[in-house]
């Protein structure tokens, strides 16, 4: 975690990732909130990380939806085939 003077120590890649994923407790995130108020460099990195995390979550959601639709489609197709063979 960040230590020392909040104005001179920047967030590292792992800290930025944890922050963007929301995996920090409020107590752990507080120093980052403060640092981001004064550090445009870290703020830009967090914004990029947030965009990446949002894109990956969106992609994962789309994959789950597509899989669920394919599963539902295969069930309805099986019902249609069995109804047509009667």
PDB file of N, CA and C in Angstrom:
ATOM      1  N   UNK A   1       0.830  -1.187   0.000  1.00  0.00           N
ATOM      2  CA  UNK A   1       0.000   0.000   0.000  1.00  0.00           C
ATOM      3  C   UNK A   1       0.873   1.248   0.000  1.00  0.00           C
ATOM      4  N   UNK A   2       0.264   2.343  -0.362  1.00  0.00           N
ATOM      5  CA  UNK A   2       0.992   3.607  -0.376  1.00  0.00           C
ATOM      6  C   UNK A   2       1.439   3.963   1.033  1.00  0.00           C
ATOM      7  N   UNK A   3       2.658   4.444   1.107  1.00  0.00           N
ATOM      8  CA  UNK A   3       3.180   4.901   2.396  1.00  0.00           C
ATOM      9  C   UNK A   3       3.838   6.248   2.193  1.00  0.00           C
ATOM     10  N   UNK A   4       4.112   6.918   3.291  1.00  0.00           N
ATOM     11  CA  UNK A   4       4.810   8.195   3.211  1.00  0.00           C
ATOM     12  C   UNK A   4       3.882   9.321   2.811  1.00  0.00           C
ATOM     13  N   UNK A   5       4.491  10.367   2.293  1.00  0.00           N
ATOM     14  CA  UNK A   5       3.768  11.571   1.890  1.00  0.00           C
ATOM     15  C   UNK A   5       2.841  11.245   0.727  1.00  0.00           C
ATOM     16  N   UNK A   6       1.552  11.476   0.910  1.00  0.00           N
ATOM     17  CA  UNK A   6       0.555  11.144  -0.095  1.00  0.00           C
ATOM     18  C   UNK A   6       0.790  11.900  -1.400  1.00  0.00           C
ATOM     19  N   UNK A   7       1.428  13.036  -1.350  1.00  0.00           N
ATOM     20  CA  UNK A   7       1.642  13.817  -2.551  1.00  0.00           C
ATOM     21  C   UNK A   7       2.784  13.308  -3.417  1.00  0.00           C
ATOM     22  N   UNK A   8       3.686  12.510  -2.856  1.00  0.00           N
ATOM     23  CA  UNK A   8       4.860  12.093  -3.619  1.00  0.00           C
ATOM     24  C   UNK A   8       4.857  10.621  -3.995  1.00  0.00           C
ATOM     25  N   UNK A   9       4.049   9.808  -3.371  1.00  0.00           N
ATOM     26  CA  UNK A   9       4.011   8.383  -3.678  1.00  0.00           C
ATOM     27  C   UNK A   9       2.795   8.085  -4.550  1.00  0.00           C
ATOM     28  N   UNK A  10       3.076   7.543  -5.707  1.00  0.00           N
ATOM     29  CA  UNK A  10       1.995   7.223  -6.629  1.00  0.00           C
ATOM     30  C   UNK A  10       1.523   5.793  -6.415  1.00  0.00           C
ATOM     31  N   UNK A  11       0.320   5.539  -6.873  1.00  0.00           N
ATOM     32  CA  UNK A  11      -0.258   4.202  -6.780  1.00  0.00           C
ATOM     33  C   UNK A  11       0.453   3.299  -7.786  1.00  0.00           C
ATOM     34  N   UNK A  12       0.779   2.061  -7.360  1.00  0.00           N
ATOM     35  CA  UNK A  12       1.375   1.131  -8.321  1.00  0.00           C
ATOM     36  C   UNK A  12       0.255   0.381  -9.048  1.00  0.00           C
ATOM     37  N   UNK A  13       0.618  -0.395 -10.053  1.00  0.00           N
ATOM     38  CA  UNK A  13      -0.362  -1.068 -10.909  1.00  0.00           C
ATOM     39  C   UNK A  13      -1.280  -1.996 -10.115  1.00  0.00           C
ATOM     40  N   UNK A  14      -0.724  -2.705  -9.154  1.00  0.00           N
ATOM     41  CA  UNK A  14      -1.527  -3.632  -8.346  1.00  0.00           C
ATOM     42  C   UNK A  14      -2.535  -2.863  -7.485  1.00  0.00           C
ATOM     43  N   UNK A  15      -2.107  -1.758  -6.916  1.00  0.00           N
ATOM     44  CA  UNK A  15      -3.006  -0.936  -6.101  1.00  0.00           C
ATOM     45  C   UNK A  15      -4.125  -0.339  -6.954  1.00  0.00           C
ATOM     46  N   UNK A  16      -3.769   0.108  -8.147  1.00  0.00           N
ATOM     47  CA  UNK A  16      -4.768   0.677  -9.049  1.00  0.00           C
ATOM     48  C   UNK A  16      -5.795  -0.384  -9.426  1.00  0.00           C
ATOM     49  N   UNK A  17      -5.327  -1.585  -9.729  1.00  0.00           N
ATOM     50  CA  UNK A  17      -6.237  -2.681 -10.080  1.00  0.00           C
ATOM     51  C   UNK A  17      -7.184  -2.998  -8.921  1.00  0.00           C
ATOM     52  N   UNK A  18      -6.648  -3.120  -7.731  1.00  0.00           N
ATOM     53  CA  UNK A  18      -7.479  -3.402  -6.553  1.00  0.00           C
ATOM     54  C   UNK A  18      -8.499  -2.297  -6.328  1.00  0.00           C
ATOM     55  N   UNK A  19      -8.064  -1.063  -6.501  1.00  0.00           N
ATOM     56  CA  UNK A  19      -8.950   0.086  -6.330  1.00  0.00           C
ATOM     57  C   UNK A  19     -10.073   0.030  -7.363  1.00  0.00           C
ATOM     58  N   UNK A  20      -9.728  -0.215  -8.624  1.00  0.00           N
ATOM     59  CA  UNK A  20     -10.725  -0.255  -9.700  1.00  0.00           C
ATOM     60  C   UNK A  20     -11.701  -1.413  -9.544  1.00  0.00           C
ATOM     61  N   UNK A  21     -11.210  -2.527  -9.034  1.00  0.00           N
ATOM     62  CA  UNK A  21     -12.071  -3.693  -8.835  1.00  0.00           C
ATOM     63  C   UNK A  21     -12.964  -3.548  -7.607  1.00  0.00           C
ATOM     64  N   UNK A  22     -12.679  -2.535  -6.795  1.00  0.00           N
ATOM     65  CA  UNK A  22     -13.467  -2.331  -5.580  1.00  0.00           C
ATOM     66  C   UNK A  22     -13.168  -3.361  -4.511  1.00  0.00           C
ATOM     67  N   UNK A  23     -11.962  -3.917  -4.558  1.00  0.00           N
ATOM     68  CA  UNK A  23     -11.626  -4.968  -3.599  1.00  0.00           C
ATOM     69  C   UNK A  23     -10.938  -4.446  -2.337  1.00  0.00           C
ATOM     70  N   UNK A  24     -10.866  -3.124  -2.197  1.00  0.00           N
ATOM     71  CA  UNK A  24     -10.288  -2.526  -0.993  1.00  0.00           C
ATOM     72  C   UNK A  24     -11.390  -2.177  -0.008  1.00  0.00           C
ATOM     73  N   UNK A  25     -11.088  -2.336   1.271  1.00  0.00           N
ATOM     74  CA  UNK A  25     -12.032  -1.884   2.291  1.00  0.00           C
ATOM     75  C   UNK A  25     -12.057  -0.362   2.275  1.00  0.00           C
ATOM     76  N   UNK A  26     -13.037   0.228   2.925  1.00  0.00           N
ATOM     77  CA  UNK A  26     -13.103   1.698   2.998  1.00  0.00           C
ATOM     78  C   UNK A  26     -11.835   2.266   3.621  1.00  0.00           C
ATOM     79  N   UNK A  27     -11.347   1.601   4.660  1.00  0.00           N
ATOM     80  CA  UNK A  27     -10.123   2.063   5.319  1.00  0.00           C
ATOM     81  C   UNK A  27      -8.915   2.001   4.401  1.00  0.00           C
ATOM     82  N   UNK A  28      -8.840   0.954   3.580  1.00  0.00           N
ATOM     83  CA  UNK A  28      -7.736   0.821   2.638  1.00  0.00           C
ATOM     84  C   UNK A  28      -7.872   1.808   1.480  1.00  0.00           C
ATOM     85  N   UNK A  29      -9.099   2.085   1.059  1.00  0.00           N
ATOM     86  CA  UNK A  29      -9.338   2.956  -0.094  1.00  0.00           C
ATOM     87  C   UNK A  29      -9.187   4.438   0.251  1.00  0.00           C
ATOM     88  N   UNK A  30      -9.369   4.806   1.513  1.00  0.00           N
ATOM     89  CA  UNK A  30      -9.339   6.219   1.910  1.00  0.00           C
ATOM     90  C   UNK A  30      -8.075   6.952   1.470  1.00  0.00           C
ATOM     91  N   UNK A  31      -6.877   6.391   1.684  1.00  0.00           N
ATOM     92  CA  UNK A  31      -5.683   7.115   1.234  1.00  0.00           C
ATOM     93  C   UNK A  31      -5.655   7.303  -0.288  1.00  0.00           C
ATOM     94  N   UNK A  32      -6.214   6.342  -1.007  1.00  0.00           N
ATOM     95  CA  UNK A  32      -6.254   6.466  -2.467  1.00  0.00           C
ATOM     96  C   UNK A  32      -7.204   7.579  -2.894  1.00  0.00           C
ATOM     97  N   UNK A  33      -8.367   7.651  -2.215  1.00  0.00           N
ATOM     98  CA  UNK A  33      -9.311   8.734  -2.509  1.00  0.00           C
ATOM     99  C   UNK A  33      -8.610  10.086  -2.357  1.00  0.00           C
ATOM    100  N   UNK A  34      -7.900  10.245  -1.255  1.00  0.00           N
ATOM    101  CA  UNK A  34      -7.185  11.501  -0.989  1.00  0.00           C
ATOM    102  C   UNK A  34      -6.122  11.758  -2.048  1.00  0.00           C
ATOM    103  N   UNK A  35      -5.358  10.740  -2.369  1.00  0.00           N
ATOM    104  CA  UNK A  35      -4.280  10.899  -3.345  1.00  0.00           C
ATOM    105  C   UNK A  35      -4.840  11.296  -4.712  1.00  0.00           C
ATOM    106  N   UNK A  36      -5.947  10.700  -5.090  1.00  0.00           N
ATOM    107  CA  UNK A  36      -6.527  10.993  -6.406  1.00  0.00           C
ATOM    108  C   UNK A  36      -7.042  12.422  -6.508  1.00  0.00           C
ATOM    109  N   UNK A  37      -7.337  13.036  -5.375  1.00  0.00           N
ATOM    110  CA  UNK A  37      -7.770  14.436  -5.391  1.00  0.00           C
ATOM    111  C   UNK A  37      -6.653  15.371  -5.842  1.00  0.00           C
ATOM    112  N   UNK A  38      -5.414  14.980  -5.584  1.00  0.00           N
ATOM    113  CA  UNK A  38      -4.297  15.871  -5.896  1.00  0.00           C
ATOM    114  C   UNK A  38      -3.401  15.372  -7.021  1.00  0.00           C
ATOM    115  N   UNK A  39      -3.579  14.141  -7.460  1.00  0.00           N
ATOM    116  CA  UNK A  39      -2.658  13.559  -8.430  1.00  0.00           C
ATOM    117  C   UNK A  39      -3.364  13.211  -9.743  1.00  0.00           C
ATOM    118  N   UNK A  40      -3.206  14.062 -10.720  1.00  0.00           N
ATOM    119  CA  UNK A  40      -3.804  13.824 -12.028  1.00  0.00           C
ATOM    120  C   UNK A  40      -3.228  12.605 -12.724  1.00  0.00           C
ATOM    121  N   UNK A  41      -1.958  12.326 -12.496  1.00  0.00           N
ATOM    122  CA  UNK A  41      -1.305  11.177 -13.120  1.00  0.00           C
ATOM    123  C   UNK A  41      -1.974   9.871 -12.673  1.00  0.00           C
ATOM    124  N   UNK A  42      -2.148   9.707 -11.384  1.00  0.00           N
ATOM    125  CA  UNK A  42      -2.792   8.496 -10.875  1.00  0.00           C
ATOM    126  C   UNK A  42      -4.276   8.477 -11.241  1.00  0.00           C
ATOM    127  N   UNK A  43      -4.902   9.640 -11.248  1.00  0.00           N
ATOM    128  CA  UNK A  43      -6.319   9.726 -11.613  1.00  0.00           C
ATOM    129  C   UNK A  43      -6.528   9.202 -13.038  1.00  0.00           C
ATOM    130  N   UNK A  44      -5.632   9.571 -13.969  1.00  0.00           N
ATOM    131  CA  UNK A  44      -5.735   9.084 -15.348  1.00  0.00           C
ATOM    132  C   UNK A  44      -5.548   7.572 -15.413  1.00  0.00           C
ATOM    133  N   UNK A  45      -4.611   7.058 -14.625  1.00  0.00           N
ATOM    134  CA  UNK A  45      -4.382   5.610 -14.607  1.00  0.00           C
ATOM    135  C   UNK A  45      -5.594   4.874 -14.042  1.00  0.00           C
ATOM    136  N   UNK A  46      -6.199   5.428 -13.003  1.00  0.00           N
ATOM    137  CA  UNK A  46      -7.390   4.808 -12.417  1.00  0.00           C
ATOM    138  C   UNK A  46      -8.553   4.863 -13.415  1.00  0.00           C
ATOM    139  N   UNK A  47      -8.707   5.985 -14.114  1.00  0.00           N
ATOM    140  CA  UNK A  47      -9.771   6.094 -15.108  1.00  0.00           C
ATOM    141  C   UNK A  47      -9.598   5.047 -16.198  1.00  0.00           C
ATOM    142  N   UNK A  48      -8.372   4.839 -16.653  1.00  0.00           N
ATOM    143  CA  UNK A  48      -8.098   3.818 -17.671  1.00  0.00           C
ATOM    144  C   UNK A  48      -8.387   2.427 -17.121  1.00  0.00           C
ATOM    145  N   UNK A  49      -7.975   2.190 -15.891  1.00  0.00           N
ATOM    146  CA  UNK A  49      -8.228   0.896 -15.257  1.00  0.00           C
ATOM    147  C   UNK A  49      -9.719   0.669 -15.060  1.00  0.00           C
ATOM    148  N   UNK A  50     -10.432   1.702 -14.635  1.00  0.00           N
ATOM    149  CA  UNK A  50     -11.888   1.597 -14.464  1.00  0.00           C
ATOM    150  C   UNK A  50     -12.565   1.252 -15.786  1.00  0.00           C
ATOM    151  N   UNK A  51     -12.112   1.883 -16.876  1.00  0.00           N
ATOM    152  CA  UNK A  51     -12.686   1.607 -18.201  1.00  0.00           C
ATOM    153  C   UNK A  51     -12.409   0.165 -18.610  1.00  0.00           C
ATOM    154  N   UNK A  52     -11.209  -0.309 -18.335  1.00  0.00           N
ATOM    155  CA  UNK A  52     -10.850  -1.687 -18.658  1.00  0.00           C
ATOM    156  C   UNK A  52     -11.701  -2.670 -17.851  1.00  0.00           C
ATOM    157  N   UNK A  53     -11.821  -2.424 -16.563  1.00  0.00           N
ATOM    158  CA  UNK A  53     -12.625  -3.295 -15.699  1.00  0.00           C
ATOM    159  C   UNK A  53     -14.076  -3.309 -16.179  1.00  0.00           C
ATOM    160  N   UNK A  54     -14.617  -2.149 -16.512  1.00  0.00           N
ATOM    161  CA  UNK A  54     -15.994  -2.072 -17.006  1.00  0.00           C
ATOM    162  C   UNK A  54     -16.154  -2.853 -18.308  1.00  0.00           C
ATOM    163  N   UNK A  55     -15.177  -2.745 -19.203  1.00  0.00           N
ATOM    164  CA  UNK A  55     -15.235  -3.477 -20.471  1.00  0.00           C
ATOM    165  C   UNK A  55     -15.183  -4.981 -20.240  1.00  0.00           C
ATOM    166  N   UNK A  56     -14.316  -5.423 -19.342  1.00  0.00           N
ATOM    167  CA  UNK A  56     -14.204  -6.858 -19.061  1.00  0.00           C
ATOM    168  C   UNK A  56     -15.468  -7.388 -18.386  1.00  0.00           C
ATOM    169  N   UNK A  57     -16.037  -6.606 -17.483  1.00  0.00           N
ATOM    170  CA  UNK A  57     -17.296  -7.026 -16.847  1.00  0.00           C
ATOM    171  C   UNK A  57     -18.418  -7.074 -17.882  1.00  0.00           C
ATOM    172  N   UNK A  58     -18.445  -6.117 -18.799  1.00  0.00           N
ATOM    173  CA  UNK A  58     -19.440  -6.119 -19.861  1.00  0.00           C
ATOM    174  C   UNK A  58     -19.274  -7.321 -20.770  1.00  0.00           C
ATOM    175  N   UNK A  59     -18.037  -7.653 -21.114  1.00  0.00           N
ATOM    176  CA  UNK A  59     -17.768  -8.820 -21.955  1.00  0.00           C
ATOM    177  C   UNK A  59     -18.183 -10.103 -21.248  1.00  0.00           C
ATOM    178  N   UNK A  60     -17.877 -10.196 -19.970  1.00  0.00           N
ATOM    179  CA  UNK A  60     -18.264 -11.389 -19.205  1.00  0.00           C
ATOM    180  C   UNK A  60     -19.782 -11.521 -19.139  1.00  0.00           C
ATOM    181  N   UNK A  61     -20.463 -10.394 -18.960  1.00  0.00           N
ATOM    182  CA  UNK A  61     -21.933 -10.404 -18.920  1.00  0.00           C
ATOM    183  C   UNK A  61     -22.491 -10.863 -20.266  1.00  0.00           C
ATOM    184  N   UNK A  62     -21.919 -10.382 -21.357  1.00  0.00           N
ATOM    185  CA  UNK A  62     -22.357 -10.767 -22.699  1.00  0.00           C
ATOM    186  C   UNK A  62     -22.124 -12.259 -22.938  1.00  0.00           C
ATOM    187  N   UNK A  63     -20.987 -12.759 -22.494  1.00  0.00           N
ATOM    188  CA  UNK A  63     -20.696 -14.191 -22.639  1.00  0.00           C
ATOM    189  C   UNK A  63     -21.715 -15.022 -21.868  1.00  0.00           C
ATOM    190  N   UNK A  64     -22.020 -14.605 -20.630  1.00  0.00           N
ATOM    191  CA  UNK A  64     -23.017 -15.344 -19.833  1.00  0.00           C
ATOM    192  C   UNK A  64     -24.387 -15.307 -20.504  1.00  0.00           C
ATOM    193  N   UNK A  65     -24.775 -14.143 -21.023  1.00  0.00           N
ATOM    194  CA  UNK A  65     -26.075 -14.021 -21.695  1.00  0.00           C
ATOM    195  C   UNK A  65     -26.128 -14.884 -22.947  1.00  0.00           C
ATOM    196  N   UNK A  66     -25.058 -14.866 -23.720  1.00  0.00           N
ATOM    197  CA  UNK A  66     -25.013 -15.660 -24.944  1.00  0.00           C
ATOM    198  C   UNK A  66     -25.087 -17.145 -24.617  1.00  0.00           C
ATOM    199  N   UNK A  67     -24.366 -17.563 -23.590  1.00  0.00           N
ATOM    200  CA  UNK A  67     -24.398 -18.967 -23.179  1.00  0.00           C
ATOM    201  C   UNK A  67     -25.794 -19.357 -22.698  1.00  0.00           C
ATOM    202  N   UNK A  68     -26.432 -18.476 -21.935  1.00  0.00           N
ATOM    203  CA  UNK A  68     -27.782 -18.765 -21.444  1.00  0.00           C
ATOM    204  C   UNK A  68     -28.768 -18.840 -22.603  1.00  0.00           C
ATOM    205  N   UNK A  69     -28.627 -17.953 -23.581  1.00  0.00           N
ATOM    206  CA  UNK A  69     -29.517 -17.983 -24.746  1.00  0.00           C
ATOM    207  C   UNK A  69     -29.287 -19.246 -25.566  1.00  0.00           C
ATOM    208  N   UNK A  70     -28.034 -19.646 -25.728  1.00  0.00           N
ATOM    209  CA  UNK A  70     -27.725 -20.862 -26.482  1.00  0.00           C
ATOM    210  C   UNK A  70     -28.299 -22.082 -25.772  1.00  0.00           C
ATOM    211  N   UNK A  71     -28.186 -22.097 -24.456  1.00  0.00           N
ATOM    212  CA  UNK A  71     -28.721 -23.213 -23.674  1.00  0.00           C
ATOM    213  C   UNK A  71     -30.238 -23.258 -23.797  1.00  0.00           C
ATOM    214  N   UNK A  72     -30.880 -22.089 -23.692  1.00  0.00           N
ATOM    215  CA  UNK A  72     -32.339 -22.022 -23.823  1.00  0.00           C
ATOM    216  C   UNK A  72     -32.759 -22.414 -25.238  1.00  0.00           C
ATOM    217  N   UNK A  73     -31.988 -21.996 -26.243  1.00  0.00           N
ATOM    218  CA  UNK A  73     -32.290 -22.337 -27.624  1.00  0.00           C
ATOM    219  C   UNK A  73     -32.159 -23.823 -27.886  1.00  0.00           C
ATOM    220  N   UNK A  74     -31.171 -24.454 -27.290  1.00  0.00           N
ATOM    221  CA  UNK A  74     -30.994 -25.891 -27.499  1.00  0.00           C
ATOM    222  C   UNK A  74     -32.110 -26.671 -26.824  1.00  0.00           C
ATOM    223  N   UNK A  75     -32.614 -26.175 -25.701  1.00  0.00           N
ATOM    224  CA  UNK A  75     -33.744 -26.849 -25.042  1.00  0.00           C
ATOM    225  C   UNK A  75     -35.004 -26.709 -25.873  1.00  0.00           C
ATOM    226  N   UNK A  76     -35.257 -25.516 -26.417  1.00  0.00           N
ATOM    227  CA  UNK A  76     -36.473 -25.324 -27.200  1.00  0.00           C
ATOM    228  C   UNK A  76     -36.369 -26.085 -28.515  1.00  0.00           C
ATOM    229  N   UNK A  77     -35.162 -26.183 -29.079  1.00  0.00           N
ATOM    230  CA  UNK A  77     -34.966 -26.958 -30.296  1.00  0.00           C
ATOM    231  C   UNK A  77     -35.216 -28.431 -30.061  1.00  0.00           C
ATOM    232  N   UNK A  78     -34.809 -28.929 -28.908  1.00  0.00           N
ATOM    233  CA  UNK A  78     -35.038 -30.336 -28.572  1.00  0.00           C
ATOM    234  C   UNK A  78     -36.532 -30.600 -28.408  1.00  0.00           C
ATOM    235  N   UNK A  79     -37.249 -29.646 -27.815  1.00  0.00           N
ATOM    236  CA  UNK A  79     -38.702 -29.805 -27.660  1.00  0.00           C
ATOM    237  C   UNK A  79     -39.390 -29.806 -29.023  1.00  0.00           C
ATOM    238  N   UNK A  80     -38.942 -28.932 -29.908  1.00  0.00           N
ATOM    239  CA  UNK A  80     -39.524 -28.842 -31.241  1.00  0.00           C
ATOM    240  C   UNK A  80     -39.286 -30.116 -32.017  1.00  0.00           C
ATOM    241  N   UNK A  81     -38.079 -30.653 -31.939  1.00  0.00           N
ATOM    242  CA  UNK A  81     -37.754 -31.893 -32.652  1.00  0.00           C
ATOM    243  C   UNK A  81     -38.579 -33.047 -32.110  1.00  0.00           C
ATOM    244  N   UNK A  82     -38.712 -33.147 -30.791  1.00  0.00           N
ATOM    245  CA  UNK A  82     -39.467 -34.262 -30.229  1.00  0.00           C
ATOM    246  C   UNK A  82     -40.960 -34.118 -30.502  1.00  0.00           C
ATOM    247  N   UNK A  83     -41.448 -32.905 -30.561  1.00  0.00           N
ATOM    248  CA  UNK A  83     -42.865 -32.688 -30.875  1.00  0.00           C
ATOM    249  C   UNK A  83     -43.131 -33.022 -32.333  1.00  0.00           C
ATOM    250  N   UNK A  84     -42.173 -32.731 -33.219  1.00  0.00           N
ATOM    251  CA  UNK A  84     -42.350 -33.018 -34.633  1.00  0.00           C
ATOM    252  C   UNK A  84     -42.240 -34.493 -34.950  1.00  0.00           C
ATOM    253  N   UNK A  85     -41.591 -35.272 -34.115  1.00  0.00           N
ATOM    254  CA  UNK A  85     -41.426 -36.699 -34.385  1.00  0.00           C
ATOM    255  C   UNK A  85     -42.563 -37.529 -33.833  1.00  0.00           C
ATOM    256  N   UNK A  86     -43.507 -36.898 -33.135  1.00  0.00           N
ATOM    257  CA  UNK A  86     -44.625 -37.657 -32.570  1.00  0.00           C
ATOM    258  C   UNK A  86     -45.647 -37.981 -33.594  1.00  0.00           C
TER     259      UNK A  86
END
